[in-house]
Amino acid sequence: MADNILNAPEDPKVAKAQLKADKKEYKKNLKEQRKAQKEKEKEFADRTAEINGDNAGGLATIVITFLIILIWLAIMALLVKLDVGGFGSGILAPLIRDIPYVNMILPESARNKTATPSSTTTTELVFDESGEGQSSGAITNMDDAQAYIKRLEQALQAEMETNSSYAADIERLEAEVARLEPFEKQQKEFYEEKAKFYEDIVYGDNSPDASAFASYYEMIDPENAEEIYKQIIQGNADDEAIKAFATTYSGMKAKKAAEIFDEMVVENQITLVARILAQMSVENRGDILAAMEKENSAKLTQLLEPTALEQKSTKVTGR
């Protein structure tokens, strides 16, 4: 390096480049020396440990770990033997009871059992359901097991026969429903036609009055005419009474009228209440229904449907 300094070029730029290259080479040589120093130190440390016997530490660690595992296994075996929390008799017993030597860690009571409590309970339940009225206890031999299986087969057969009878009943009921569906449809159509007849012919704007109907019914069979005439007269009287009630309750406060109607519903006069409400104005009827109990309002709303009222009749005149 001294030679390089002495022989440095006179050009400043070249001199700077040369100096930079020399510094870089020096740092590289210094880094290699440090790396070599570390390797030597590690080599000396390994040789020193080998001479002093320190490599035996790995074996000691393995031995200590093995001893710790043995201690934990011993603690677990002791807990199982003492049946702490029922772990030995309830969980491990069904798994290792039949394994020789290993089952020595089980509690004596669990090791001497020949059947689990759940098996005994199941057997008792099955026997009780079969109607024999006796408790079997544990299964101790092949004959008991075969008898138990036979009883299970009999119970299964009885359940299958019961299910078959249920299936037959369901099929019969479904057939009956299918048979009645046309009649239900016809009945619905009849009520719709009846409602339309009353709306267009009987109660329409151009419909004849009651006297015209009475004259017509007098021309038919006397007995039938008499019965129909009574119904017309009674219906007219009922309608007049209903209109009077509607006028009276429309003049009352909605809350007071609602209380009276709630009480009438409780007394099984809901149809009468519905007929009175039907004669009121929409405003009065809405105020009273809003003030009534929700359940009663819902029922009355359904009854206020025209066809629903026509299927019921309530006499209010006492005649």
Protein backbone atom coordinates (compact mmCIF):
# COMPACT_ATOMS: atom_id res chain seq x y z
CA MET A 1 0.00 0.00 0.00
CA ALA A 2 2.96 2.28 0.74
CA ASP A 3 4.19 1.63 -2.75
CA ASN A 4 0.79 2.56 -4.10
CA ILE A 5 0.84 5.82 -2.17
CA LEU A 6 4.30 6.68 -3.41
CA ASN A 7 3.39 5.78 -6.96
CA ALA A 8 0.04 7.65 -6.84
CA PRO A 9 -0.78 9.41 -10.12
CA GLU A 10 -0.61 13.12 -10.29
CA ASP A 11 -4.13 13.45 -11.78
CA PRO A 12 -6.53 14.25 -8.85
CA LYS A 13 -9.45 12.31 -10.32
CA VAL A 14 -7.40 9.22 -10.88
CA ALA A 15 -5.94 9.58 -7.39
CA LYS A 16 -9.42 9.72 -5.82
CA ALA A 17 -10.56 6.61 -7.73
CA GLN A 18 -7.45 4.78 -6.68
CA LEU A 19 -7.99 5.77 -3.03
CA LYS A 20 -11.60 4.58 -3.12
CA ALA A 21 -10.55 1.23 -4.56
CA ASP A 22 -7.88 0.83 -1.90
CA LYS A 23 -10.38 1.54 0.91
CA LYS A 24 -12.83 -1.00 -0.49
CA GLU A 25 -10.17 -3.67 -0.69
CA TYR A 26 -9.07 -2.90 2.86
CA LYS A 27 -12.62 -3.28 4.23
CA LYS A 28 -13.04 -6.57 2.36
CA ASN A 29 -9.80 -7.92 3.83
CA LEU A 30 -10.83 -6.76 7.32
CA LYS A 31 -14.26 -8.52 7.00
CA GLU A 32 -12.60 -11.76 5.94
CA GLN A 33 -10.23 -11.55 8.90
CA ARG A 34 -13.16 -11.10 11.34
CA LYS A 35 -15.01 -14.06 9.82
CA ALA A 36 -11.90 -16.20 10.15
CA GLN A 37 -11.52 -15.04 13.76
CA LYS A 38 -15.10 -16.09 14.62
CA GLU A 39 -14.62 -19.50 13.04
CA LYS A 40 -11.48 -20.00 15.08
CA GLU A 41 -13.22 -18.95 18.28
CA LYS A 42 -16.06 -21.40 17.59
CA GLU A 43 -13.55 -24.16 16.88
CA PHE A 44 -11.74 -23.47 20.15
CA ALA A 45 -15.10 -23.46 22.07
CA ASP A 46 -16.12 -26.83 20.56
CA ARG A 47 -12.76 -28.38 21.40
CA THR A 48 -12.95 -27.02 24.94
CA ALA A 49 -16.49 -28.45 25.45
CA GLU A 50 -15.39 -31.81 24.08
CA ILE A 51 -12.46 -31.92 26.46
CA ASN A 52 -14.58 -30.93 29.49
CA GLY A 53 -17.40 -33.42 28.67
CA ASP A 54 -20.15 -30.79 28.12
CA ASN A 55 -21.69 -32.77 25.20
CA ALA A 56 -23.36 -35.00 27.79
CA GLY A 57 -25.95 -32.19 28.35
CA GLY A 58 -28.15 -33.43 25.44
CA LEU A 59 -28.50 -36.90 26.96
CA ALA A 60 -29.28 -35.43 30.37
CA THR A 61 -32.08 -33.34 28.83
CA ILE A 62 -33.64 -36.45 27.24
CA VAL A 63 -33.50 -38.35 30.53
CA ILE A 64 -35.12 -35.50 32.46
CA THR A 65 -37.90 -35.16 29.88
CA PHE A 66 -38.59 -38.91 30.06
CA LEU A 67 -38.76 -38.76 33.85
CA ILE A 68 -41.24 -35.85 33.72
CA ILE A 69 -43.47 -37.85 31.33
CA LEU A 70 -43.34 -40.85 33.65
CA ILE A 71 -44.32 -38.69 36.62
CA TRP A 72 -47.32 -37.28 34.73
CA LEU A 73 -48.40 -40.76 33.65
CA ALA A 74 -48.18 -41.92 37.25
CA ILE A 75 -50.31 -38.99 38.40
CA MET A 76 -52.93 -39.74 35.72
CA ALA A 77 -52.98 -43.43 36.69
CA LEU A 78 -53.49 -42.47 40.33
CA LEU A 79 -56.40 -40.16 39.44
CA VAL A 80 -58.01 -42.95 37.40
CA LYS A 81 -57.48 -45.48 40.18
CA LEU A 82 -59.09 -43.15 42.72
CA ASP A 83 -61.92 -42.50 40.21
CA VAL A 84 -61.68 -38.74 40.61
CA GLY A 85 -64.72 -37.17 38.91
CA GLY A 86 -65.88 -40.58 37.72
CA PHE A 87 -63.26 -40.51 34.96
CA GLY A 88 -62.09 -44.07 35.58
CA SER A 89 -65.45 -45.80 35.93
CA GLY A 90 -67.47 -43.66 33.54
CA ILE A 91 -65.07 -42.98 30.63
CA LEU A 92 -62.06 -45.29 30.64
CA ALA A 93 -63.78 -48.43 31.99
CA PRO A 94 -65.79 -49.23 28.85
CA LEU A 95 -62.64 -48.74 26.73
CA ILE A 96 -59.91 -50.65 28.57
CA ARG A 97 -61.81 -52.99 30.91
CA ASP A 98 -61.01 -56.05 28.73
CA ILE A 99 -57.35 -55.18 28.06
CA PRO A 100 -55.06 -57.28 30.32
CA TYR A 101 -52.65 -55.44 32.63
CA VAL A 102 -53.79 -52.06 31.34
CA ASN A 103 -57.10 -52.49 33.16
CA MET A 104 -55.19 -52.67 36.44
CA ILE A 105 -55.31 -48.87 36.65
CA LEU A 106 -59.13 -48.94 36.80
CA PRO A 107 -60.99 -48.77 40.12
CA GLU A 108 -61.92 -52.18 41.55
CA SER A 109 -65.65 -51.50 41.23
CA ALA A 110 -65.37 -50.60 37.54
CA ARG A 111 -63.02 -53.48 36.72
CA ASN A 112 -65.35 -56.12 38.20
CA LYS A 113 -68.49 -55.02 36.29
CA THR A 114 -69.56 -57.20 33.38
CA ALA A 115 -71.98 -54.71 31.76
CA THR A 116 -72.20 -50.95 31.60
CA PRO A 117 -74.98 -49.13 33.45
CA SER A 118 -76.30 -47.76 30.17
CA SER A 119 -76.80 -51.30 28.83
CA THR A 120 -78.72 -52.35 31.93
CA THR A 121 -80.94 -49.29 31.77
CA THR A 122 -81.69 -49.85 28.11
CA THR A 123 -82.59 -53.48 28.74
CA GLU A 124 -84.94 -52.55 31.55
CA LEU A 125 -86.67 -49.94 29.42
CA VAL A 126 -87.21 -52.34 26.54
CA PHE A 127 -88.63 -55.02 28.82
CA ASP A 128 -91.00 -52.55 30.45
CA GLU A 129 -92.25 -51.40 27.04
CA SER A 130 -92.92 -55.01 25.97
CA GLY A 131 -95.49 -55.27 28.75
CA GLU A 132 -93.82 -58.07 30.70
CA GLY A 133 -93.58 -55.93 33.79
CA GLN A 134 -90.22 -57.30 34.90
CA SER A 135 -86.69 -56.00 35.14
CA SER A 136 -84.02 -58.13 33.45
CA GLY A 137 -80.84 -56.87 35.00
CA ALA A 138 -77.50 -57.33 33.25
CA ILE A 139 -76.95 -59.80 30.38
CA THR A 140 -74.49 -62.40 31.68
CA ASN A 141 -74.59 -65.17 29.06
CA MET A 142 -75.51 -65.96 25.48
CA ASP A 143 -79.00 -67.23 26.34
CA ASP A 144 -79.86 -63.91 27.98
CA ALA A 145 -78.55 -62.06 24.94
CA GLN A 146 -80.60 -64.20 22.54
CA ALA A 147 -83.73 -63.74 24.64
CA TYR A 148 -83.15 -60.00 24.74
CA ILE A 149 -82.73 -59.87 20.94
CA LYS A 150 -85.92 -61.90 20.49
CA ARG A 151 -87.86 -59.49 22.68
CA LEU A 152 -86.47 -56.56 20.67
CA GLU A 153 -87.59 -58.22 17.44
CA GLN A 154 -91.07 -58.73 18.86
CA ALA A 155 -91.27 -55.11 19.95
CA LEU A 156 -90.07 -53.98 16.51
CA GLN A 157 -92.69 -56.16 14.82
CA ALA A 158 -95.43 -54.69 17.02
CA GLU A 159 -94.30 -51.15 16.16
CA MET A 160 -94.28 -51.98 12.44
CA GLU A 161 -97.82 -53.36 12.65
CA THR A 162 -98.96 -50.23 14.49
CA ASN A 163 -97.36 -48.02 11.85
CA SER A 164 -99.09 -50.08 9.14
CA SER A 165 -102.47 -49.49 10.78
CA TYR A 166 -101.70 -45.77 11.02
CA ALA A 167 -100.78 -45.73 7.34
CA ALA A 168 -104.08 -47.42 6.47
CA ASP A 169 -106.01 -44.85 8.55
CA ILE A 170 -104.17 -41.99 6.87
CA GLU A 171 -104.91 -43.41 3.43
CA ARG A 172 -108.59 -43.82 4.31
CA LEU A 173 -108.81 -40.25 5.61
CA GLU A 174 -107.09 -38.88 2.53
CA ALA A 175 -109.59 -40.73 0.34
CA GLU A 176 -112.45 -39.28 2.41
CA VAL A 177 -111.03 -35.77 2.04
CA ALA A 178 -110.78 -36.27 -1.72
CA ARG A 179 -114.39 -37.46 -1.78
CA LEU A 180 -115.66 -34.45 0.18
CA GLU A 181 -113.74 -31.81 -1.76
CA PRO A 182 -116.40 -31.53 -4.54
CA PHE A 183 -119.14 -31.12 -1.92
CA GLU A 184 -117.16 -28.40 -0.20
CA LYS A 185 -116.71 -26.63 -3.52
CA GLN A 186 -120.43 -26.91 -4.26
CA GLN A 187 -121.32 -25.57 -0.82
CA LYS A 188 -119.04 -22.58 -1.32
CA GLU A 189 -120.59 -21.88 -4.72
CA PHE A 190 -124.07 -22.16 -3.19
CA TYR A 191 -123.31 -19.58 -0.49
CA GLU A 192 -121.78 -17.25 -3.08
CA GLU A 193 -124.90 -17.54 -5.28
CA LYS A 194 -127.14 -17.05 -2.26
CA ALA A 195 -125.26 -13.91 -1.25
CA LYS A 196 -125.48 -12.58 -4.79
CA PHE A 197 -129.22 -13.37 -4.90
CA TYR A 198 -129.87 -11.48 -1.66
CA GLU A 199 -127.73 -8.57 -2.82
CA ASP A 200 -129.23 -8.26 -6.31
CA ILE A 201 -132.84 -9.49 -5.84
CA VAL A 202 -133.91 -9.34 -2.20
CA TYR A 203 -132.06 -6.28 -0.91
CA GLY A 204 -131.37 -4.51 -4.23
CA ASP A 205 -132.57 -1.02 -5.04
CA ASN A 206 -135.28 -2.35 -7.39
CA SER A 207 -136.23 -5.39 -5.30
CA PRO A 208 -139.92 -5.91 -4.29
CA ASP A 209 -140.97 -5.24 -0.71
CA ALA A 210 -141.87 -7.87 1.86
CA SER A 211 -145.58 -7.82 0.96
CA ALA A 212 -144.81 -8.90 -2.60
CA PHE A 213 -142.77 -11.81 -1.32
CA ALA A 214 -145.57 -12.67 1.11
CA SER A 215 -148.14 -12.70 -1.72
CA TYR A 216 -145.91 -14.98 -3.73
CA TYR A 217 -145.35 -17.41 -0.88
CA GLU A 218 -149.12 -17.62 -0.24
CA MET A 219 -149.48 -19.16 -3.71
CA ILE A 220 -147.22 -22.11 -2.94
CA ASP A 221 -147.66 -25.01 -0.53
CA PRO A 222 -149.52 -23.72 2.58
CA GLU A 223 -147.22 -25.25 5.18
CA ASN A 224 -144.07 -24.09 3.46
CA ALA A 225 -145.59 -20.69 2.76
CA GLU A 226 -146.55 -20.29 6.39
CA GLU A 227 -143.03 -21.12 7.57
CA ILE A 228 -141.37 -18.84 5.02
CA TYR A 229 -143.85 -16.04 5.79
CA LYS A 230 -143.03 -16.31 9.51
CA GLN A 231 -139.37 -16.09 8.71
CA ILE A 232 -139.90 -12.99 6.58
CA ILE A 233 -141.98 -11.26 9.25
CA GLN A 234 -139.48 -12.26 11.95
CA GLY A 235 -136.61 -11.12 9.76
CA ASN A 236 -138.23 -7.74 9.19
CA ALA A 237 -138.83 -7.31 12.92
CA ASP A 238 -135.26 -8.31 13.68
CA ASP A 239 -133.94 -5.87 11.09
CA GLU A 240 -135.95 -3.02 12.61
CA ALA A 241 -134.66 -3.86 16.10
CA ILE A 242 -131.07 -4.07 14.81
CA LYS A 243 -131.39 -0.66 13.15
CA ALA A 244 -132.73 0.78 16.42
CA PHE A 245 -129.79 -0.66 18.32
CA ALA A 246 -127.39 0.71 15.73
CA THR A 247 -128.89 4.18 16.07
CA THR A 248 -128.67 4.02 19.86
CA TYR A 249 -125.03 2.86 19.99
CA SER A 250 -123.99 5.30 17.26
CA GLY A 251 -125.09 8.14 19.53
CA MET A 252 -122.95 6.86 22.42
CA LYS A 253 -119.24 7.46 22.93
CA ALA A 254 -117.14 4.86 21.12
CA LYS A 255 -115.34 3.76 24.29
CA LYS A 256 -118.60 3.18 26.20
CA ALA A 257 -120.18 1.29 23.32
CA ALA A 258 -117.00 -0.81 22.96
CA GLU A 259 -117.19 -1.83 26.64
CA ILE A 260 -120.80 -2.96 26.20
CA PHE A 261 -120.00 -4.88 23.03
CA ASP A 262 -116.99 -6.60 24.70
CA GLU A 263 -119.28 -7.77 27.48
CA MET A 264 -121.86 -9.02 24.94
CA VAL A 265 -119.14 -11.00 23.17
CA VAL A 266 -118.18 -12.63 26.46
CA GLU A 267 -121.87 -13.59 26.89
CA ASN A 268 -121.78 -15.35 23.49
CA GLN A 269 -123.78 -12.66 21.63
CA ILE A 270 -121.06 -11.88 19.09
CA THR A 271 -123.39 -12.41 16.11
CA LEU A 272 -125.82 -9.81 17.45
CA VAL A 273 -122.95 -7.36 17.95
CA ALA A 274 -121.83 -7.96 14.37
CA ARG A 275 -125.33 -7.29 13.01
CA ILE A 276 -125.58 -4.05 14.99
CA LEU A 277 -122.17 -2.88 13.76
CA ALA A 278 -123.15 -3.75 10.19
CA GLN A 279 -126.00 -1.18 10.39
CA MET A 280 -123.70 1.61 11.58
CA SER A 281 -121.78 4.05 9.48
CA VAL A 282 -118.23 3.18 8.55
CA GLU A 283 -116.85 5.93 10.81
CA ASN A 284 -118.81 4.90 13.92
CA ARG A 285 -118.10 1.24 13.34
CA GLY A 286 -114.37 1.88 12.96
CA ASP A 287 -114.19 3.96 16.16
CA ILE A 288 -115.97 1.28 18.21
CA LEU A 289 -113.87 -1.59 16.81
CA ALA A 290 -110.69 0.38 17.57
CA ALA A 291 -111.78 0.82 21.19
CA MET A 292 -112.70 -2.87 21.72
CA GLU A 293 -110.45 -5.72 22.79
CA LYS A 294 -108.18 -6.75 19.93
CA GLU A 295 -109.33 -10.37 19.98
CA ASN A 296 -113.01 -9.37 19.87
CA SER A 297 -112.35 -6.83 17.11
CA ALA A 298 -110.66 -9.52 15.00
CA LYS A 299 -113.57 -11.93 15.42
CA LEU A 300 -116.15 -9.24 14.61
CA THR A 301 -114.22 -8.17 11.52
CA GLN A 302 -114.48 -11.73 10.23
CA LEU A 303 -118.20 -11.87 11.02
CA LEU A 304 -118.85 -8.55 9.28
CA GLU A 305 -118.01 -10.25 5.98
CA PRO A 306 -121.46 -10.49 4.25
CA THR A 307 -121.59 -14.26 3.67
CA ALA A 308 -120.56 -14.90 7.27
CA LEU A 309 -123.54 -12.98 8.66
CA GLU A 310 -125.99 -14.74 6.37
CA GLN A 311 -125.00 -18.13 7.75
CA LYS A 312 -126.05 -17.08 11.27
CA SER A 313 -129.38 -15.83 12.69
CA THR A 314 -129.98 -14.10 16.00
CA LYS A 315 -133.45 -13.08 17.18
CA VAL A 316 -133.43 -9.90 19.19
CA THR A 317 -137.13 -8.98 19.40
CA GLY A 318 -138.14 -11.86 21.64
CA ARG A 319 -140.97 -12.95 19.31
